Amino acid sequence: MRVTNATVRAVNGQTARRASASEGGAVFSAAGVWPLLALLADGAGGPAREELADAVGLPADEAAGAARELLGAMGATRGLDSALGLWTKRTLELRERWEAGLPAEAHGVLTGNAEADKTALDAWAVKRTGGLIERMPVRLYDDTEMVVASALALRTRWLMPFRERYWMPESGPWCGRELQGLRRDSTLLDGSVWRTHPRGTSPS
């Protein structure tokens, strides 16, 4: 499934806003939380709808379609597992039209037994990340009415694996220090990219 330029700009915009508000270094991608916020924007009303639309960077009535578009594209990407989950108590009624627009198997039920619900959410995290995340990082209570979550798990494999080595930089903040690093040798230069950062330069 193809992702439109509008959706790409919205996701990148949220990443940029979050990065600019972070002090010091930050490594993250809005691709995980953006579809969740977009779906919530579509189902919200009043001031919450406006705030979520502003966070998403798209009109609320366009957000759900864009979220499904992005989730579909990520789901078709080899090596990438993406998941979105919503759990609600049975007493919390959802709008049928909005619930029908959620991804398949995204909606679960909270029983009101915090221990049992936590076990179920932990199992979801394990299953949807291939075991990379073993526990859902949320505290549940017997009166918890709703939980929302998203997860991304990416597995990559280098054509030419890296090998560990020790090296001593000749310049920069680590000049003269023996450091442990990674190295690989290859004659295929098309896949080599150098990324610069105020604290150093690294290949990727």
C-alpha atoms as a PDB file:
ATOM      1  CA  MET A   1       0.000   0.000   0.000  1.00  0.00           C
ATOM      2  CA  ARG A   2       1.325   3.417  -0.987  1.00  0.00           C
ATOM      3  CA  VAL A   3       1.592   6.193   1.606  1.00  0.00           C
ATOM      4  CA  THR A   4       0.633   9.658   0.355  1.00  0.00           C
ATOM      5  CA  ASN A   5       2.968  12.623   0.651  1.00  0.00           C
ATOM      6  CA  ALA A   6       0.518  14.321   3.023  1.00  0.00           C
ATOM      7  CA  THR A   7       0.767  11.414   5.468  1.00  0.00           C
ATOM      8  CA  VAL A   8       4.567  11.283   5.213  1.00  0.00           C
ATOM      9  CA  ARG A   9       4.800  15.028   5.887  1.00  0.00           C
ATOM     10  CA  ALA A  10       2.450  14.723   8.870  1.00  0.00           C
ATOM     11  CA  VAL A  11       4.453  11.894  10.454  1.00  0.00           C
ATOM     12  CA  ASN A  12       7.777  13.621   9.818  1.00  0.00           C
ATOM     13  CA  GLY A  13       6.348  16.846  11.179  1.00  0.00           C
ATOM     14  CA  GLN A  14       5.388  15.198  14.448  1.00  0.00           C
ATOM     15  CA  THR A  15       8.852  13.639  14.718  1.00  0.00           C
ATOM     16  CA  ALA A  16      10.467  17.046  14.140  1.00  0.00           C
ATOM     17  CA  ARG A  17       8.263  18.760  16.736  1.00  0.00           C
ATOM     18  CA  ARG A  18       9.009  16.143  19.359  1.00  0.00           C
ATOM     19  CA  ALA A  19      12.734  16.259  18.607  1.00  0.00           C
ATOM     20  CA  SER A  20      12.847  20.052  18.854  1.00  0.00           C
ATOM     21  CA  ALA A  21      11.177  19.891  22.280  1.00  0.00           C
ATOM     22  CA  SER A  22      13.687  17.327  23.579  1.00  0.00           C
ATOM     23  CA  GLU A  23      16.711  18.452  25.548  1.00  0.00           C
ATOM     24  CA  GLY A  24      19.944  16.761  24.584  1.00  0.00           C
ATOM     25  CA  GLY A  25      19.980  13.723  22.288  1.00  0.00           C
ATOM     26  CA  ALA A  26      16.889  11.825  21.201  1.00  0.00           C
ATOM     27  CA  VAL A  27      16.317   8.715  19.112  1.00  0.00           C
ATOM     28  CA  PHE A  28      12.721   7.932  18.191  1.00  0.00           C
ATOM     29  CA  SER A  29      10.209   7.882  15.344  1.00  0.00           C
ATOM     30  CA  ALA A  30       6.644   9.170  15.336  1.00  0.00           C
ATOM     31  CA  ALA A  31       5.675   6.307  13.024  1.00  0.00           C
ATOM     32  CA  GLY A  32       4.757   4.218  16.075  1.00  0.00           C
ATOM     33  CA  VAL A  33       2.444   6.623  17.898  1.00  0.00           C
ATOM     34  CA  TRP A  34       1.169   8.664  14.939  1.00  0.00           C
ATOM     35  CA  PRO A  35      -1.433   6.128  13.668  1.00  0.00           C
ATOM     36  CA  LEU A  36      -2.774   5.752  17.200  1.00  0.00           C
ATOM     37  CA  LEU A  37      -3.213   9.509  17.655  1.00  0.00           C
ATOM     38  CA  ALA A  38      -4.738   9.796  14.191  1.00  0.00           C
ATOM     39  CA  LEU A  39      -7.391   7.182  14.945  1.00  0.00           C
ATOM     40  CA  LEU A  40      -8.143   8.828  18.297  1.00  0.00           C
ATOM     41  CA  ALA A  41      -8.507  12.194  16.532  1.00  0.00           C
ATOM     42  CA  ASP A  42     -11.123  10.694  14.226  1.00  0.00           C
ATOM     43  CA  GLY A  43     -13.153   9.384  17.165  1.00  0.00           C
ATOM     44  CA  ALA A  44     -12.789  12.384  19.478  1.00  0.00           C
ATOM     45  CA  GLY A  45     -15.075  15.400  19.842  1.00  0.00           C
ATOM     46  CA  GLY A  46     -14.857  18.962  21.110  1.00  0.00           C
ATOM     47  CA  PRO A  47     -11.514  20.447  22.180  1.00  0.00           C
ATOM     48  CA  ALA A  48      -9.895  16.985  22.301  1.00  0.00           C
ATOM     49  CA  ARG A  49     -10.608  16.513  18.585  1.00  0.00           C
ATOM     50  CA  GLU A  50      -8.913  19.810  17.754  1.00  0.00           C
ATOM     51  CA  GLU A  51      -5.905  19.087  19.972  1.00  0.00           C
ATOM     52  CA  LEU A  52      -5.393  15.617  18.511  1.00  0.00           C
ATOM     53  CA  ALA A  53      -5.751  16.901  14.950  1.00  0.00           C
ATOM     54  CA  ASP A  54      -3.137  19.544  15.713  1.00  0.00           C
ATOM     55  CA  ALA A  55      -0.784  16.887  17.122  1.00  0.00           C
ATOM     56  CA  VAL A  56      -1.338  14.674  14.072  1.00  0.00           C
ATOM     57  CA  GLY A  57      -0.940  17.487  11.550  1.00  0.00           C
ATOM     58  CA  LEU A  58      -4.031  16.547   9.527  1.00  0.00           C
ATOM     59  CA  PRO A  59      -7.742  17.423   9.730  1.00  0.00           C
ATOM     60  CA  ALA A  60      -9.504  14.987  12.068  1.00  0.00           C
ATOM     61  CA  ASP A  61     -11.848  13.756   9.320  1.00  0.00           C
ATOM     62  CA  GLU A  62      -8.826  12.714   7.218  1.00  0.00           C
ATOM     63  CA  ALA A  63      -6.786  11.218  10.053  1.00  0.00           C
ATOM     64  CA  ALA A  64      -8.286   7.719  10.258  1.00  0.00           C
ATOM     65  CA  GLY A  65      -7.835   7.005   6.557  1.00  0.00           C
ATOM     66  CA  ALA A  66      -4.233   8.197   6.725  1.00  0.00           C
ATOM     67  CA  ALA A  67      -3.606   6.018   9.792  1.00  0.00           C
ATOM     68  CA  ARG A  68      -4.923   2.912   8.041  1.00  0.00           C
ATOM     69  CA  GLU A  69      -2.806   3.809   5.005  1.00  0.00           C
ATOM     70  CA  LEU A  70       0.351   4.036   7.097  1.00  0.00           C
ATOM     71  CA  LEU A  71      -0.390   0.881   9.087  1.00  0.00           C
ATOM     72  CA  GLY A  72      -0.987  -1.019   5.860  1.00  0.00           C
ATOM     73  CA  ALA A  73       2.321   0.141   4.403  1.00  0.00           C
ATOM     74  CA  MET A  74       4.256  -0.724   7.542  1.00  0.00           C
ATOM     75  CA  GLY A  75       2.565  -4.108   7.728  1.00  0.00           C
ATOM     76  CA  ALA A  76       3.773  -4.857   4.199  1.00  0.00           C
ATOM     77  CA  THR A  77       7.374  -3.914   5.001  1.00  0.00           C
ATOM     78  CA  ARG A  78       9.634  -6.930   5.335  1.00  0.00           C
ATOM     79  CA  GLY A  79      11.238  -7.206   8.769  1.00  0.00           C
ATOM     80  CA  LEU A  80       8.910  -4.660  10.366  1.00  0.00           C
ATOM     81  CA  ASP A  81       6.164  -5.643  12.827  1.00  0.00           C
ATOM     82  CA  SER A  82       3.698  -2.893  13.701  1.00  0.00           C
ATOM     83  CA  ALA A  83       0.788  -3.177  16.087  1.00  0.00           C
ATOM     84  CA  LEU A  84      -1.933  -1.006  17.527  1.00  0.00           C
ATOM     85  CA  GLY A  85      -4.058  -2.000  20.498  1.00  0.00           C
ATOM     86  CA  LEU A  86      -7.093  -0.616  22.309  1.00  0.00           C
ATOM     87  CA  TRP A  87      -8.573  -2.234  25.394  1.00  0.00           C
ATOM     88  CA  THR A  88     -11.779  -1.003  27.036  1.00  0.00           C
ATOM     89  CA  LYS A  89     -14.094  -2.087  29.808  1.00  0.00           C
ATOM     90  CA  ARG A  90     -17.376  -3.581  28.658  1.00  0.00           C
ATOM     91  CA  THR A  91     -19.195  -0.666  30.298  1.00  0.00           C
ATOM     92  CA  LEU A  92     -17.376   1.810  28.041  1.00  0.00           C
ATOM     93  CA  GLU A  93     -19.340   1.988  24.785  1.00  0.00           C
ATOM     94  CA  LEU A  94     -17.540   2.926  21.580  1.00  0.00           C
ATOM     95  CA  ARG A  95     -19.124   4.463  18.515  1.00  0.00           C
ATOM     96  CA  GLU A  96     -19.821   1.573  16.162  1.00  0.00           C
ATOM     97  CA  ARG A  97     -18.623   3.432  13.056  1.00  0.00           C
ATOM     98  CA  TRP A  98     -15.345   4.366  14.716  1.00  0.00           C
ATOM     99  CA  GLU A  99     -14.756   0.895  16.161  1.00  0.00           C
ATOM    100  CA  ALA A 100     -15.380  -0.653  12.737  1.00  0.00           C
ATOM    101  CA  GLY A 101     -12.529   1.440  11.352  1.00  0.00           C
ATOM    102  CA  LEU A 102      -9.943   0.026  13.761  1.00  0.00           C
ATOM    103  CA  PRO A 103      -7.373  -2.476  12.450  1.00  0.00           C
ATOM    104  CA  ALA A 104      -8.324  -6.139  12.703  1.00  0.00           C
ATOM    105  CA  GLU A 105      -7.874  -7.601  16.200  1.00  0.00           C
ATOM    106  CA  ALA A 106      -6.939  -4.185  17.595  1.00  0.00           C
ATOM    107  CA  HIS A 107      -9.775  -3.978  20.142  1.00  0.00           C
ATOM    108  CA  GLY A 108      -9.661  -6.014  23.333  1.00  0.00           C
ATOM    109  CA  VAL A 109     -11.670  -6.058  26.552  1.00  0.00           C
ATOM    110  CA  LEU A 110     -10.579  -5.185  30.094  1.00  0.00           C
ATOM    111  CA  THR A 111     -12.147  -7.534  32.639  1.00  0.00           C
ATOM    112  CA  GLY A 112     -11.643  -5.306  35.675  1.00  0.00           C
ATOM    113  CA  ASN A 113      -9.182  -7.774  37.185  1.00  0.00           C
ATOM    114  CA  ALA A 114      -5.945  -5.805  37.034  1.00  0.00           C
ATOM    115  CA  GLU A 115      -3.688  -8.845  37.381  1.00  0.00           C
ATOM    116  CA  ALA A 116      -5.450 -10.824  34.645  1.00  0.00           C
ATOM    117  CA  ASP A 117      -5.596  -7.817  32.345  1.00  0.00           C
ATOM    118  CA  LYS A 118      -1.894  -7.110  32.822  1.00  0.00           C
ATOM    119  CA  THR A 119      -1.101 -10.712  31.880  1.00  0.00           C
ATOM    120  CA  ALA A 120      -3.160 -10.340  28.711  1.00  0.00           C
ATOM    121  CA  LEU A 121      -1.478  -7.066  27.755  1.00  0.00           C
ATOM    122  CA  ASP A 122       1.984  -8.514  28.401  1.00  0.00           C
ATOM    123  CA  ALA A 123       1.118 -11.443  26.125  1.00  0.00           C
ATOM    124  CA  TRP A 124       0.048  -8.953  23.424  1.00  0.00           C
ATOM    125  CA  ALA A 125       3.373  -7.132  23.698  1.00  0.00           C
ATOM    126  CA  VAL A 126       5.347 -10.373  23.394  1.00  0.00           C
ATOM    127  CA  LYS A 127       3.312 -11.598  20.410  1.00  0.00           C
ATOM    128  CA  ARG A 128       3.296  -8.336  18.454  1.00  0.00           C
ATOM    129  CA  THR A 129       7.021  -7.640  18.887  1.00  0.00           C
ATOM    130  CA  GLY A 130       8.317 -11.171  18.429  1.00  0.00           C
ATOM    131  CA  GLY A 131       9.396 -11.282  22.075  1.00  0.00           C
ATOM    132  CA  LEU A 132      11.479  -8.094  21.912  1.00  0.00           C
ATOM    133  CA  ILE A 133       9.148  -6.435  24.443  1.00  0.00           C
ATOM    134  CA  GLU A 134       8.232  -8.815  27.245  1.00  0.00           C
ATOM    135  CA  ARG A 135       5.966  -6.584  29.340  1.00  0.00           C
ATOM    136  CA  MET A 136       3.505  -3.811  28.636  1.00  0.00           C
ATOM    137  CA  PRO A 137       4.940  -0.697  30.365  1.00  0.00           C
ATOM    138  CA  VAL A 138       1.673   0.362  31.998  1.00  0.00           C
ATOM    139  CA  ARG A 139       0.207   0.031  35.483  1.00  0.00           C
ATOM    140  CA  LEU A 140      -3.375  -1.216  35.582  1.00  0.00           C
ATOM    141  CA  TYR A 141      -5.968  -0.800  38.308  1.00  0.00           C
ATOM    142  CA  ASP A 142      -9.312  -2.491  38.796  1.00  0.00           C
ATOM    143  CA  ASP A 143     -11.060   0.726  37.713  1.00  0.00           C
ATOM    144  CA  THR A 144      -8.943   1.286  34.576  1.00  0.00           C
ATOM    145  CA  GLU A 145     -11.420   1.859  31.736  1.00  0.00           C
ATOM    146  CA  MET A 146      -9.183   2.171  28.673  1.00  0.00           C
ATOM    147  CA  VAL A 147      -5.637   1.392  27.541  1.00  0.00           C
ATOM    148  CA  VAL A 148      -4.153   2.314  24.159  1.00  0.00           C
ATOM    149  CA  ALA A 149      -0.789   1.147  22.874  1.00  0.00           C
ATOM    150  CA  SER A 150       1.316   0.929  19.749  1.00  0.00           C
ATOM    151  CA  ALA A 151       4.490  -0.994  19.015  1.00  0.00           C
ATOM    152  CA  LEU A 152       7.123  -1.226  16.297  1.00  0.00           C
ATOM    153  CA  ALA A 153       9.692  -3.999  16.010  1.00  0.00           C
ATOM    154  CA  LEU A 154      12.275  -3.869  13.223  1.00  0.00           C
ATOM    155  CA  ARG A 155      14.701  -6.647  12.393  1.00  0.00           C
ATOM    156  CA  THR A 156      17.535  -5.989   9.974  1.00  0.00           C
ATOM    157  CA  ARG A 157      20.400  -8.071   8.668  1.00  0.00           C
ATOM    158  CA  TRP A 158      23.586  -6.690   7.140  1.00  0.00           C
ATOM    159  CA  LEU A 159      24.805  -8.208   3.878  1.00  0.00           C
ATOM    160  CA  MET A 160      28.328  -7.832   5.287  1.00  0.00           C
ATOM    161  CA  PRO A 161      28.247  -8.283   9.100  1.00  0.00           C
ATOM    162  CA  PHE A 162      30.212  -5.936  11.342  1.00  0.00           C
ATOM    163  CA  ARG A 163      33.121  -7.162  13.466  1.00  0.00           C
ATOM    164  CA  GLU A 164      34.156  -5.784  16.835  1.00  0.00           C
ATOM    165  CA  ARG A 165      37.477  -3.926  16.997  1.00  0.00           C
ATOM    166  CA  TYR A 166      39.320  -1.454  19.165  1.00  0.00           C
ATOM    167  CA  TRP A 167      40.350   1.883  17.738  1.00  0.00           C
ATOM    168  CA  MET A 168      41.707   5.261  18.871  1.00  0.00           C
ATOM    169  CA  PRO A 169      40.230   8.441  17.322  1.00  0.00           C
ATOM    170  CA  GLU A 170      42.777  10.987  16.121  1.00  0.00           C
ATOM    171  CA  SER A 171      40.430  13.951  16.555  1.00  0.00           C
ATOM    172  CA  GLY A 172      37.170  14.940  18.228  1.00  0.00           C
ATOM    173  CA  PRO A 173      35.991  14.650  21.839  1.00  0.00           C
ATOM    174  CA  TRP A 174      37.314  11.074  22.193  1.00  0.00           C
ATOM    175  CA  CYS A 175      40.766  11.804  20.733  1.00  0.00           C
ATOM    176  CA  GLY A 176      43.474   9.626  22.275  1.00  0.00           C
ATOM    177  CA  ARG A 177      41.051   7.221  23.980  1.00  0.00           C
ATOM    178  CA  GLU A 178      40.934   3.526  23.144  1.00  0.00           C
ATOM    179  CA  LEU A 179      37.349   2.678  22.253  1.00  0.00           C
ATOM    180  CA  GLN A 180      35.472  -0.411  21.224  1.00  0.00           C
ATOM    181  CA  GLY A 181      33.816  -0.090  17.833  1.00  0.00           C
ATOM    182  CA  LEU A 182      32.467  -1.978  14.838  1.00  0.00           C
ATOM    183  CA  ARG A 183      33.992  -2.420  11.405  1.00  0.00           C
ATOM    184  CA  ARG A 184      33.201  -4.118   8.148  1.00  0.00           C
ATOM    185  CA  ASP A 185      35.044  -4.218   4.827  1.00  0.00           C
ATOM    186  CA  SER A 186      33.236  -4.153   1.512  1.00  0.00           C
ATOM    187  CA  THR A 187      33.817  -3.161  -2.098  1.00  0.00           C
ATOM    188  CA  LEU A 188      30.098  -2.313  -2.533  1.00  0.00           C
ATOM    189  CA  LEU A 189      30.020   1.418  -1.921  1.00  0.00           C
ATOM    190  CA  ASP A 190      26.453   2.080  -3.103  1.00  0.00           C
ATOM    191  CA  GLY A 191      25.036   1.161   0.304  1.00  0.00           C
ATOM    192  CA  SER A 192      27.460   3.281   2.333  1.00  0.00           C
ATOM    193  CA  VAL A 193      26.281   6.538   3.869  1.00  0.00           C
ATOM    194  CA  TRP A 194      28.143   8.756   6.328  1.00  0.00           C
ATOM    195  CA  ARG A 195      26.068  10.523   8.918  1.00  0.00           C
ATOM    196  CA  THR A 196      27.470  13.474  10.825  1.00  0.00           C
ATOM    197  CA  HIS A 197      26.632  14.646  14.319  1.00  0.00           C
ATOM    198  CA  PRO A 198      28.208  17.327  16.545  1.00  0.00           C
ATOM    199  CA  ARG A 199      29.697  14.537  18.671  1.00  0.00           C
ATOM    200  CA  GLY A 200      31.043  12.352  15.900  1.00  0.00           C
ATOM    201  CA  THR A 201      30.697  10.795  12.450  1.00  0.00           C
ATOM    202  CA  SER A 202      29.557   7.268  11.732  1.00  0.00           C
ATOM    203  CA  PRO A 203      28.832   5.037   8.711  1.00  0.00           C
ATOM    204  CA  SER A 204      25.433   3.419   8.215  1.00  0.00           C
END
